[in-house]
Amino acid sequence: SQHQVSKGTYEISAENGVSISAGANGTPA
């Protein structure tokens, strides 16, 4: 999955938190 902004700013805003995880089911990532 790829999200690309050629000219501009990519912004994420969440009121209750932001969670980022890598590696499902214990797979190293």
mmCIF file of all heavy atoms, coordinates in Angstrom:
data_MODEL
# 
_entry.id   MODEL 
# 
loop_
_atom_site.group_PDB 
_atom_site.id 
_atom_site.type_symbol 
_atom_site.label_atom_id 
_atom_site.label_alt_id 
_atom_site.label_comp_id 
_atom_site.label_asym_id 
_atom_site.label_entity_id 
_atom_site.label_seq_id 
_atom_site.pdbx_PDB_ins_code 
_atom_site.Cartn_x 
_atom_site.Cartn_y 
_atom_site.Cartn_z 
_atom_site.occupancy 
_atom_site.B_iso_or_equiv 
_atom_site.pdbx_formal_charge 
_atom_site.auth_seq_id 
_atom_site.auth_comp_id 
_atom_site.auth_asym_id 
_atom_site.auth_atom_id 
_atom_site.pdbx_PDB_model_num 
ATOM 1   N N   . SER A 1 1  ? 0.857   -1.179  0.000  1.00 0.00 ? 1  SER A N   1 
ATOM 2   C CA  . SER A 1 1  ? 0.000   0.000   0.000  1.00 0.00 ? 1  SER A CA  1 
ATOM 3   C C   . SER A 1 1  ? 0.899   1.237   0.000  1.00 0.00 ? 1  SER A C   1 
ATOM 4   O O   . SER A 1 1  ? 1.829   1.338   0.817  1.00 0.00 ? 1  SER A O   1 
ATOM 5   C CB  . SER A 1 1  ? -0.917  0.008   1.227  1.00 0.00 ? 1  SER A CB  1 
ATOM 6   O OG  . SER A 1 1  ? -1.713  1.173   1.248  1.00 0.00 ? 1  SER A OG  1 
ATOM 7   N N   . GLN A 1 2  ? 0.638   2.155   -0.901 1.00 0.00 ? 2  GLN A N   1 
ATOM 8   C CA  . GLN A 1 2  ? 1.483   3.337   -1.062 1.00 0.00 ? 2  GLN A CA  1 
ATOM 9   C C   . GLN A 1 2  ? 0.616   4.580   -1.163 1.00 0.00 ? 2  GLN A C   1 
ATOM 10  O O   . GLN A 1 2  ? -0.395  4.599   -1.874 1.00 0.00 ? 2  GLN A O   1 
ATOM 11  C CB  . GLN A 1 2  ? 2.356   3.199   -2.315 1.00 0.00 ? 2  GLN A CB  1 
ATOM 12  C CG  . GLN A 1 2  ? 3.306   4.375   -2.543 1.00 0.00 ? 2  GLN A CG  1 
ATOM 13  C CD  . GLN A 1 2  ? 4.173   4.179   -3.782 1.00 0.00 ? 2  GLN A CD  1 
ATOM 14  O OE1 . GLN A 1 2  ? 4.048   3.174   -4.465 1.00 0.00 ? 2  GLN A OE1 1 
ATOM 15  N NE2 . GLN A 1 2  ? 5.040   5.134   -4.052 1.00 0.00 ? 2  GLN A NE2 1 
ATOM 16  N N   . HIS A 1 3  ? 1.029   5.611   -0.442 1.00 0.00 ? 3  HIS A N   1 
ATOM 17  C CA  . HIS A 1 3  ? 0.364   6.909   -0.511 1.00 0.00 ? 3  HIS A CA  1 
ATOM 18  C C   . HIS A 1 3  ? 1.434   7.947   -0.815 1.00 0.00 ? 3  HIS A C   1 
ATOM 19  O O   . HIS A 1 3  ? 2.368   8.124   -0.042 1.00 0.00 ? 3  HIS A O   1 
ATOM 20  C CB  . HIS A 1 3  ? -0.337  7.240   0.818  1.00 0.00 ? 3  HIS A CB  1 
ATOM 21  C CG  . HIS A 1 3  ? -1.213  8.453   0.739  1.00 0.00 ? 3  HIS A CG  1 
ATOM 22  N ND1 . HIS A 1 3  ? -2.559  8.387   0.472  1.00 0.00 ? 3  HIS A ND1 1 
ATOM 23  C CD2 . HIS A 1 3  ? -0.923  9.767   0.876  1.00 0.00 ? 3  HIS A CD2 1 
ATOM 24  C CE1 . HIS A 1 3  ? -3.071  9.605   0.463  1.00 0.00 ? 3  HIS A CE1 1 
ATOM 25  N NE2 . HIS A 1 3  ? -2.085  10.467  0.708  1.00 0.00 ? 3  HIS A NE2 1 
ATOM 26  N N   . GLN A 1 4  ? 1.306   8.632   -1.914 1.00 0.00 ? 4  GLN A N   1 
ATOM 27  C CA  . GLN A 1 4  ? 2.332   9.559   -2.381 1.00 0.00 ? 4  GLN A CA  1 
ATOM 28  C C   . GLN A 1 4  ? 1.729   10.936  -2.620 1.00 0.00 ? 4  GLN A C   1 
ATOM 29  O O   . GLN A 1 4  ? 0.685   11.071  -3.261 1.00 0.00 ? 4  GLN A O   1 
ATOM 30  C CB  . GLN A 1 4  ? 2.978   9.035   -3.669 1.00 0.00 ? 4  GLN A CB  1 
ATOM 31  C CG  . GLN A 1 4  ? 4.092   9.925   -4.208 1.00 0.00 ? 4  GLN A CG  1 
ATOM 32  C CD  . GLN A 1 4  ? 4.755   9.331   -5.444 1.00 0.00 ? 4  GLN A CD  1 
ATOM 33  O OE1 . GLN A 1 4  ? 4.435   8.213   -5.844 1.00 0.00 ? 4  GLN A OE1 1 
ATOM 34  N NE2 . GLN A 1 4  ? 5.662   10.069  -6.050 1.00 0.00 ? 4  GLN A NE2 1 
ATOM 35  N N   . VAL A 1 5  ? 2.389   11.956  -2.074 1.00 0.00 ? 5  VAL A N   1 
ATOM 36  C CA  . VAL A 1 5  ? 2.011   13.354  -2.284 1.00 0.00 ? 5  VAL A CA  1 
ATOM 37  C C   . VAL A 1 5  ? 3.174   14.011  -3.015 1.00 0.00 ? 5  VAL A C   1 
ATOM 38  O O   . VAL A 1 5  ? 4.220   14.271  -2.422 1.00 0.00 ? 5  VAL A O   1 
ATOM 39  C CB  . VAL A 1 5  ? 1.711   14.064  -0.955 1.00 0.00 ? 5  VAL A CB  1 
ATOM 40  C CG1 . VAL A 1 5  ? 1.298   15.512  -1.210 1.00 0.00 ? 5  VAL A CG1 1 
ATOM 41  C CG2 . VAL A 1 5  ? 0.608   13.323  -0.200 1.00 0.00 ? 5  VAL A CG2 1 
ATOM 42  N N   . SER A 1 6  ? 3.017   14.265  -4.310 1.00 0.00 ? 6  SER A N   1 
ATOM 43  C CA  . SER A 1 6  ? 4.121   14.806  -5.109 1.00 0.00 ? 6  SER A CA  1 
ATOM 44  C C   . SER A 1 6  ? 4.482   16.225  -4.700 1.00 0.00 ? 6  SER A C   1 
ATOM 45  O O   . SER A 1 6  ? 5.655   16.564  -4.549 1.00 0.00 ? 6  SER A O   1 
ATOM 46  C CB  . SER A 1 6  ? 3.756   14.762  -6.601 1.00 0.00 ? 6  SER A CB  1 
ATOM 47  O OG  . SER A 1 6  ? 3.491   13.432  -7.010 1.00 0.00 ? 6  SER A OG  1 
ATOM 48  N N   . LYS A 1 7  ? 3.482   17.065  -4.521 1.00 0.00 ? 7  LYS A N   1 
ATOM 49  C CA  . LYS A 1 7  ? 3.701   18.456  -4.131 1.00 0.00 ? 7  LYS A CA  1 
ATOM 50  C C   . LYS A 1 7  ? 2.680   18.816  -3.057 1.00 0.00 ? 7  LYS A C   1 
ATOM 51  O O   . LYS A 1 7  ? 1.518   19.058  -3.365 1.00 0.00 ? 7  LYS A O   1 
ATOM 52  C CB  . LYS A 1 7  ? 3.563   19.399  -5.329 1.00 0.00 ? 7  LYS A CB  1 
ATOM 53  C CG  . LYS A 1 7  ? 4.602   19.170  -6.418 1.00 0.00 ? 7  LYS A CG  1 
ATOM 54  C CD  . LYS A 1 7  ? 4.397   20.152  -7.575 1.00 0.00 ? 7  LYS A CD  1 
ATOM 55  C CE  . LYS A 1 7  ? 5.422   19.923  -8.673 1.00 0.00 ? 7  LYS A CE  1 
ATOM 56  N NZ  . LYS A 1 7  ? 5.240   20.861  -9.800 1.00 0.00 ? 7  LYS A NZ  1 
ATOM 57  N N   . GLY A 1 8  ? 3.150   18.841  -1.830 1.00 0.00 ? 8  GLY A N   1 
ATOM 58  C CA  . GLY A 1 8  ? 2.227   19.170  -0.749 1.00 0.00 ? 8  GLY A CA  1 
ATOM 59  C C   . GLY A 1 8  ? 2.664   18.495  0.538  1.00 0.00 ? 8  GLY A C   1 
ATOM 60  O O   . GLY A 1 8  ? 3.769   17.967  0.669  1.00 0.00 ? 8  GLY A O   1 
ATOM 61  N N   . THR A 1 9  ? 1.784   18.481  1.512  1.00 0.00 ? 9  THR A N   1 
ATOM 62  C CA  . THR A 1 9  ? 2.039   17.945  2.841  1.00 0.00 ? 9  THR A CA  1 
ATOM 63  C C   . THR A 1 9  ? 1.017   16.862  3.149  1.00 0.00 ? 9  THR A C   1 
ATOM 64  O O   . THR A 1 9  ? -0.175  17.018  2.854  1.00 0.00 ? 9  THR A O   1 
ATOM 65  C CB  . THR A 1 9  ? 1.949   19.056  3.898  1.00 0.00 ? 9  THR A CB  1 
ATOM 66  O OG1 . THR A 1 9  ? 2.876   20.093  3.570  1.00 0.00 ? 9  THR A OG1 1 
ATOM 67  C CG2 . THR A 1 9  ? 2.273   18.525  5.282  1.00 0.00 ? 9  THR A CG2 1 
ATOM 68  N N   . TYR A 1 10 ? 1.500   15.785  3.716  1.00 0.00 ? 10 TYR A N   1 
ATOM 69  C CA  . TYR A 1 10 ? 0.623   14.694  4.135  1.00 0.00 ? 10 TYR A CA  1 
ATOM 70  C C   . TYR A 1 10 ? 0.403   14.824  5.636  1.00 0.00 ? 10 TYR A C   1 
ATOM 71  O O   . TYR A 1 10 ? 1.346   14.817  6.420  1.00 0.00 ? 10 TYR A O   1 
ATOM 72  C CB  . TYR A 1 10 ? 1.260   13.348  3.793  1.00 0.00 ? 10 TYR A CB  1 
ATOM 73  C CG  . TYR A 1 10 ? 0.431   12.152  4.170  1.00 0.00 ? 10 TYR A CG  1 
ATOM 74  C CD1 . TYR A 1 10 ? -0.859  11.992  3.687  1.00 0.00 ? 10 TYR A CD1 1 
ATOM 75  C CD2 . TYR A 1 10 ? 0.934   11.171  5.023  1.00 0.00 ? 10 TYR A CD2 1 
ATOM 76  C CE1 . TYR A 1 10 ? -1.629  10.906  4.036  1.00 0.00 ? 10 TYR A CE1 1 
ATOM 77  C CE2 . TYR A 1 10 ? 0.182   10.072  5.386  1.00 0.00 ? 10 TYR A CE2 1 
ATOM 78  C CZ  . TYR A 1 10 ? -1.109  9.942   4.880  1.00 0.00 ? 10 TYR A CZ  1 
ATOM 79  O OH  . TYR A 1 10 ? -1.882  8.865   5.229  1.00 0.00 ? 10 TYR A OH  1 
ATOM 80  N N   . GLU A 1 11 ? -0.817  14.960  6.048  1.00 0.00 ? 11 GLU A N   1 
ATOM 81  C CA  . GLU A 1 11 ? -1.149  15.248  7.443  1.00 0.00 ? 11 GLU A CA  1 
ATOM 82  C C   . GLU A 1 11 ? -2.124  14.218  7.974  1.00 0.00 ? 11 GLU A C   1 
ATOM 83  O O   . GLU A 1 11 ? -3.088  13.843  7.299  1.00 0.00 ? 11 GLU A O   1 
ATOM 84  C CB  . GLU A 1 11 ? -1.746  16.650  7.567  1.00 0.00 ? 11 GLU A CB  1 
ATOM 85  C CG  . GLU A 1 11 ? -2.089  17.061  8.991  1.00 0.00 ? 11 GLU A CG  1 
ATOM 86  C CD  . GLU A 1 11 ? -2.646  18.465  9.074  1.00 0.00 ? 11 GLU A CD  1 
ATOM 87  O OE1 . GLU A 1 11 ? -2.617  19.178  8.043  1.00 0.00 ? 11 GLU A OE1 1 
ATOM 88  O OE2 . GLU A 1 11 ? -3.119  18.859  10.162 1.00 0.00 ? 11 GLU A OE2 1 
ATOM 89  N N   . ILE A 1 12 ? -1.856  13.755  9.189  1.00 0.00 ? 12 ILE A N   1 
ATOM 90  C CA  . ILE A 1 12 ? -2.745  12.844  9.901  1.00 0.00 ? 12 ILE A CA  1 
ATOM 91  C C   . ILE A 1 12 ? -3.124  13.497  11.225 1.00 0.00 ? 12 ILE A C   1 
ATOM 92  O O   . ILE A 1 12 ? -2.242  13.919  11.981 1.00 0.00 ? 12 ILE A O   1 
ATOM 93  C CB  . ILE A 1 12 ? -2.080  11.473  10.155 1.00 0.00 ? 12 ILE A CB  1 
ATOM 94  C CG1 . ILE A 1 12 ? -1.727  10.797  8.826  1.00 0.00 ? 12 ILE A CG1 1 
ATOM 95  C CG2 . ILE A 1 12 ? -2.990  10.563  10.962 1.00 0.00 ? 12 ILE A CG2 1 
ATOM 96  C CD1 . ILE A 1 12 ? -1.009  9.471   9.000  1.00 0.00 ? 12 ILE A CD1 1 
ATOM 97  N N   . SER A 1 13 ? -4.383  13.584  11.499 1.00 0.00 ? 13 SER A N   1 
ATOM 98  C CA  . SER A 1 13 ? -4.862  14.179  12.739 1.00 0.00 ? 13 SER A CA  1 
ATOM 99  C C   . SER A 1 13 ? -5.907  13.255  13.346 1.00 0.00 ? 13 SER A C   1 
ATOM 100 O O   . SER A 1 13 ? -6.871  12.870  12.683 1.00 0.00 ? 13 SER A O   1 
ATOM 101 C CB  . SER A 1 13 ? -5.459  15.566  12.479 1.00 0.00 ? 13 SER A CB  1 
ATOM 102 O OG  . SER A 1 13 ? -5.964  16.125  13.676 1.00 0.00 ? 13 SER A OG  1 
ATOM 103 N N   . ALA A 1 14 ? -5.692  12.857  14.596 1.00 0.00 ? 14 ALA A N   1 
ATOM 104 C CA  . ALA A 1 14 ? -6.623  11.975  15.294 1.00 0.00 ? 14 ALA A CA  1 
ATOM 105 C C   . ALA A 1 14 ? -6.825  12.501  16.702 1.00 0.00 ? 14 ALA A C   1 
ATOM 106 O O   . ALA A 1 14 ? -5.849  12.808  17.399 1.00 0.00 ? 14 ALA A O   1 
ATOM 107 C CB  . ALA A 1 14 ? -6.110  10.540  15.317 1.00 0.00 ? 14 ALA A CB  1 
ATOM 108 N N   . GLU A 1 15 ? -8.045  12.588  17.131 1.00 0.00 ? 15 GLU A N   1 
ATOM 109 C CA  . GLU A 1 15 ? -8.336  13.149  18.446 1.00 0.00 ? 15 GLU A CA  1 
ATOM 110 C C   . GLU A 1 15 ? -7.955  12.209  19.569 1.00 0.00 ? 15 GLU A C   1 
ATOM 111 O O   . GLU A 1 15 ? -7.481  12.638  20.628 1.00 0.00 ? 15 GLU A O   1 
ATOM 112 C CB  . GLU A 1 15 ? -9.826  13.487  18.537 1.00 0.00 ? 15 GLU A CB  1 
ATOM 113 C CG  . GLU A 1 15 ? -10.234 14.122  19.870 1.00 0.00 ? 15 GLU A CG  1 
ATOM 114 C CD  . GLU A 1 15 ? -11.713 14.474  19.904 1.00 0.00 ? 15 GLU A CD  1 
ATOM 115 O OE1 . GLU A 1 15 ? -12.375 14.332  18.862 1.00 0.00 ? 15 GLU A OE1 1 
ATOM 116 O OE2 . GLU A 1 15 ? -12.190 14.887  20.976 1.00 0.00 ? 15 GLU A OE2 1 
ATOM 117 N N   . ASN A 1 16 ? -8.113  10.902  19.358 1.00 0.00 ? 16 ASN A N   1 
ATOM 118 C CA  . ASN A 1 16 ? -7.905  9.942   20.440 1.00 0.00 ? 16 ASN A CA  1 
ATOM 119 C C   . ASN A 1 16 ? -6.617  9.139   20.311 1.00 0.00 ? 16 ASN A C   1 
ATOM 120 O O   . ASN A 1 16 ? -6.371  8.258   21.122 1.00 0.00 ? 16 ASN A O   1 
ATOM 121 C CB  . ASN A 1 16 ? -9.092  8.969   20.503 1.00 0.00 ? 16 ASN A CB  1 
ATOM 122 C CG  . ASN A 1 16 ? -10.393 9.697   20.787 1.00 0.00 ? 16 ASN A CG  1 
ATOM 123 O OD1 . ASN A 1 16 ? -10.414 10.668  21.536 1.00 0.00 ? 16 ASN A OD1 1 
ATOM 124 N ND2 . ASN A 1 16 ? -11.478 9.241   20.184 1.00 0.00 ? 16 ASN A ND2 1 
ATOM 125 N N   . GLY A 1 17 ? -5.775  9.432   19.335 1.00 0.00 ? 17 GLY A N   1 
ATOM 126 C CA  . GLY A 1 17 ? -4.494  8.738   19.254 1.00 0.00 ? 17 GLY A CA  1 
ATOM 127 C C   . GLY A 1 17 ? -4.213  8.204   17.870 1.00 0.00 ? 17 GLY A C   1 
ATOM 128 O O   . GLY A 1 17 ? -5.110  8.052   17.030 1.00 0.00 ? 17 GLY A O   1 
ATOM 129 N N   . VAL A 1 18 ? -2.922  7.901   17.632 1.00 0.00 ? 18 VAL A N   1 
ATOM 130 C CA  . VAL A 1 18 ? -2.455  7.316   16.375 1.00 0.00 ? 18 VAL A CA  1 
ATOM 131 C C   . VAL A 1 18 ? -1.646  6.081   16.728 1.00 0.00 ? 18 VAL A C   1 
ATOM 132 O O   . VAL A 1 18 ? -0.745  6.132   17.580 1.00 0.00 ? 18 VAL A O   1 
ATOM 133 C CB  . VAL A 1 18 ? -1.592  8.304   15.566 1.00 0.00 ? 18 VAL A CB  1 
ATOM 134 C CG1 . VAL A 1 18 ? -1.043  7.643   14.315 1.00 0.00 ? 18 VAL A CG1 1 
ATOM 135 C CG2 . VAL A 1 18 ? -2.403  9.540   15.196 1.00 0.00 ? 18 VAL A CG2 1 
ATOM 136 N N   . SER A 1 19 ? -1.955  4.965   16.106 1.00 0.00 ? 19 SER A N   1 
ATOM 137 C CA  . SER A 1 19 ? -1.268  3.710   16.365 1.00 0.00 ? 19 SER A CA  1 
ATOM 138 C C   . SER A 1 19 ? -0.709  3.172   15.058 1.00 0.00 ? 19 SER A C   1 
ATOM 139 O O   . SER A 1 19 ? -1.425  3.059   14.066 1.00 0.00 ? 19 SER A O   1 
ATOM 140 C CB  . SER A 1 19 ? -2.228  2.694   17.001 1.00 0.00 ? 19 SER A CB  1 
ATOM 141 O OG  . SER A 1 19 ? -1.583  1.448   17.192 1.00 0.00 ? 19 SER A OG  1 
ATOM 142 N N   . ILE A 1 20 ? 0.596   2.859   15.051 1.00 0.00 ? 20 ILE A N   1 
ATOM 143 C CA  . ILE A 1 20 ? 1.267   2.292   13.881 1.00 0.00 ? 20 ILE A CA  1 
ATOM 144 C C   . ILE A 1 20 ? 1.981   1.031   14.334 1.00 0.00 ? 20 ILE A C   1 
ATOM 145 O O   . ILE A 1 20 ? 2.753   1.061   15.293 1.00 0.00 ? 20 ILE A O   1 
ATOM 146 C CB  . ILE A 1 20 ? 2.278   3.279   13.266 1.00 0.00 ? 20 ILE A CB  1 
ATOM 147 C CG1 . ILE A 1 20 ? 1.572   4.564   12.824 1.00 0.00 ? 20 ILE A CG1 1 
ATOM 148 C CG2 . ILE A 1 20 ? 3.003   2.651   12.085 1.00 0.00 ? 20 ILE A CG2 1 
ATOM 149 C CD1 . ILE A 1 20 ? 2.525   5.618   12.293 1.00 0.00 ? 20 ILE A CD1 1 
ATOM 150 N N   . SER A 1 21 ? 1.734   -0.065  13.686 1.00 0.00 ? 21 SER A N   1 
ATOM 151 C CA  . SER A 1 21 ? 2.369   -1.332  14.031 1.00 0.00 ? 21 SER A CA  1 
ATOM 152 C C   . SER A 1 21 ? 2.839   -2.021  12.761 1.00 0.00 ? 21 SER A C   1 
ATOM 153 O O   . SER A 1 21 ? 2.227   -1.880  11.701 1.00 0.00 ? 21 SER A O   1 
ATOM 154 C CB  . SER A 1 21 ? 1.398   -2.240  14.809 1.00 0.00 ? 21 SER A CB  1 
ATOM 155 O OG  . SER A 1 21 ? 0.258   -2.541  14.016 1.00 0.00 ? 21 SER A OG  1 
ATOM 156 N N   . ALA A 1 22 ? 3.930   -2.753  12.872 1.00 0.00 ? 22 ALA A N   1 
ATOM 157 C CA  . ALA A 1 22 ? 4.482   -3.501  11.748 1.00 0.00 ? 22 ALA A CA  1 
ATOM 158 C C   . ALA A 1 22 ? 4.780   -4.913  12.214 1.00 0.00 ? 22 ALA A C   1 
ATOM 159 O O   . ALA A 1 22 ? 5.333   -5.109  13.299 1.00 0.00 ? 22 ALA A O   1 
ATOM 160 C CB  . ALA A 1 22 ? 5.754   -2.832  11.220 1.00 0.00 ? 22 ALA A CB  1 
ATOM 161 N N   . GLY A 1 23 ? 4.427   -5.872  11.385 1.00 0.00 ? 23 GLY A N   1 
ATOM 162 C CA  . GLY A 1 23 ? 4.656   -7.266  11.732 1.00 0.00 ? 23 GLY A CA  1 
ATOM 163 C C   . GLY A 1 23 ? 3.453   -7.887  12.376 1.00 0.00 ? 23 GLY A C   1 
ATOM 164 O O   . GLY A 1 23 ? 3.261   -7.795  13.584 1.00 0.00 ? 23 GLY A O   1 
ATOM 165 N N   . ALA A 1 24 ? 2.615   -8.546  11.577 1.00 0.00 ? 24 ALA A N   1 
ATOM 166 C CA  . ALA A 1 24 ? 1.420   -9.187  12.109 1.00 0.00 ? 24 ALA A CA  1 
ATOM 167 C C   . ALA A 1 24 ? 1.756   -10.601 12.560 1.00 0.00 ? 24 ALA A C   1 
ATOM 168 O O   . ALA A 1 24 ? 2.579   -11.294 11.962 1.00 0.00 ? 24 ALA A O   1 
ATOM 169 C CB  . ALA A 1 24 ? 0.319   -9.228  11.030 1.00 0.00 ? 24 ALA A CB  1 
ATOM 170 N N   . ASN A 1 25 ? 1.134   -11.017 13.662 1.00 0.00 ? 25 ASN A N   1 
ATOM 171 C CA  . ASN A 1 25 ? 1.289   -12.373 14.199 1.00 0.00 ? 25 ASN A CA  1 
ATOM 172 C C   . ASN A 1 25 ? 2.748   -12.699 14.536 1.00 0.00 ? 25 ASN A C   1 
ATOM 173 O O   . ASN A 1 25 ? 3.207   -13.833 14.354 1.00 0.00 ? 25 ASN A O   1 
ATOM 174 C CB  . ASN A 1 25 ? 0.733   -13.407 13.210 1.00 0.00 ? 25 ASN A CB  1 
ATOM 175 C CG  . ASN A 1 25 ? -0.739  -13.201 12.909 1.00 0.00 ? 25 ASN A CG  1 
ATOM 176 O OD1 . ASN A 1 25 ? -1.502  -12.825 13.795 1.00 0.00 ? 25 ASN A OD1 1 
ATOM 177 N ND2 . ASN A 1 25 ? -1.130  -13.423 11.669 1.00 0.00 ? 25 ASN A ND2 1 
ATOM 178 N N   . GLY A 1 26 ? 3.500   -11.689 15.004 1.00 0.00 ? 26 GLY A N   1 
ATOM 179 C CA  . GLY A 1 26 ? 4.876   -11.929 15.409 1.00 0.00 ? 26 GLY A CA  1 
ATOM 180 C C   . GLY A 1 26 ? 5.885   -11.984 14.287 1.00 0.00 ? 26 GLY A C   1 
ATOM 181 O O   . GLY A 1 26 ? 7.051   -12.339 14.512 1.00 0.00 ? 26 GLY A O   1 
ATOM 182 N N   . THR A 1 27 ? 5.490   -11.647 13.058 1.00 0.00 ? 27 THR A N   1 
ATOM 183 C CA  . THR A 1 27 ? 6.431   -11.663 11.936 1.00 0.00 ? 27 THR A CA  1 
ATOM 184 C C   . THR A 1 27 ? 7.355   -10.451 12.036 1.00 0.00 ? 27 THR A C   1 
ATOM 185 O O   . THR A 1 27 ? 6.879   -9.326  12.196 1.00 0.00 ? 27 THR A O   1 
ATOM 186 C CB  . THR A 1 27 ? 5.668   -11.624 10.604 1.00 0.00 ? 27 THR A CB  1 
ATOM 187 O OG1 . THR A 1 27 ? 4.782   -12.748 10.547 1.00 0.00 ? 27 THR A OG1 1 
ATOM 188 C CG2 . THR A 1 27 ? 6.635   -11.697 9.426  1.00 0.00 ? 27 THR A CG2 1 
ATOM 189 N N   . PRO A 1 28 ? 8.681   -10.619 11.962 1.00 0.00 ? 28 PRO A N   1 
ATOM 190 C CA  . PRO A 1 28 ? 9.588   -9.467  12.034 1.00 0.00 ? 28 PRO A CA  1 
ATOM 191 C C   . PRO A 1 28 ? 9.347   -8.495  10.882 1.00 0.00 ? 28 PRO A C   1 
ATOM 192 O O   . PRO A 1 28 ? 9.267   -8.890  9.710  1.00 0.00 ? 28 PRO A O   1 
ATOM 193 C CB  . PRO A 1 28 ? 10.984  -10.099 11.953 1.00 0.00 ? 28 PRO A CB  1 
ATOM 194 C CG  . PRO A 1 28 ? 10.789  -11.522 12.370 1.00 0.00 ? 28 PRO A CG  1 
ATOM 195 C CD  . PRO A 1 28 ? 9.412   -11.904 11.895 1.00 0.00 ? 28 PRO A CD  1 
ATOM 196 N N   . ALA A 1 29 ? 9.217   -7.219  11.192 1.00 0.00 ? 29 ALA A N   1 
ATOM 197 C CA  . ALA A 1 29 ? 8.987   -6.183  10.189 1.00 0.00 ? 29 ALA A CA  1 
ATOM 198 C C   . ALA A 1 29 ? 9.583   -4.876  10.692 1.00 0.00 ? 29 ALA A C   1 
ATOM 199 O O   . ALA A 1 29 ? 9.775   -4.678  11.893 1.00 0.00 ? 29 ALA A O   1 
ATOM 200 C CB  . ALA A 1 29 ? 7.491   -6.018  9.893  1.00 0.00 ? 29 ALA A CB  1 
# 
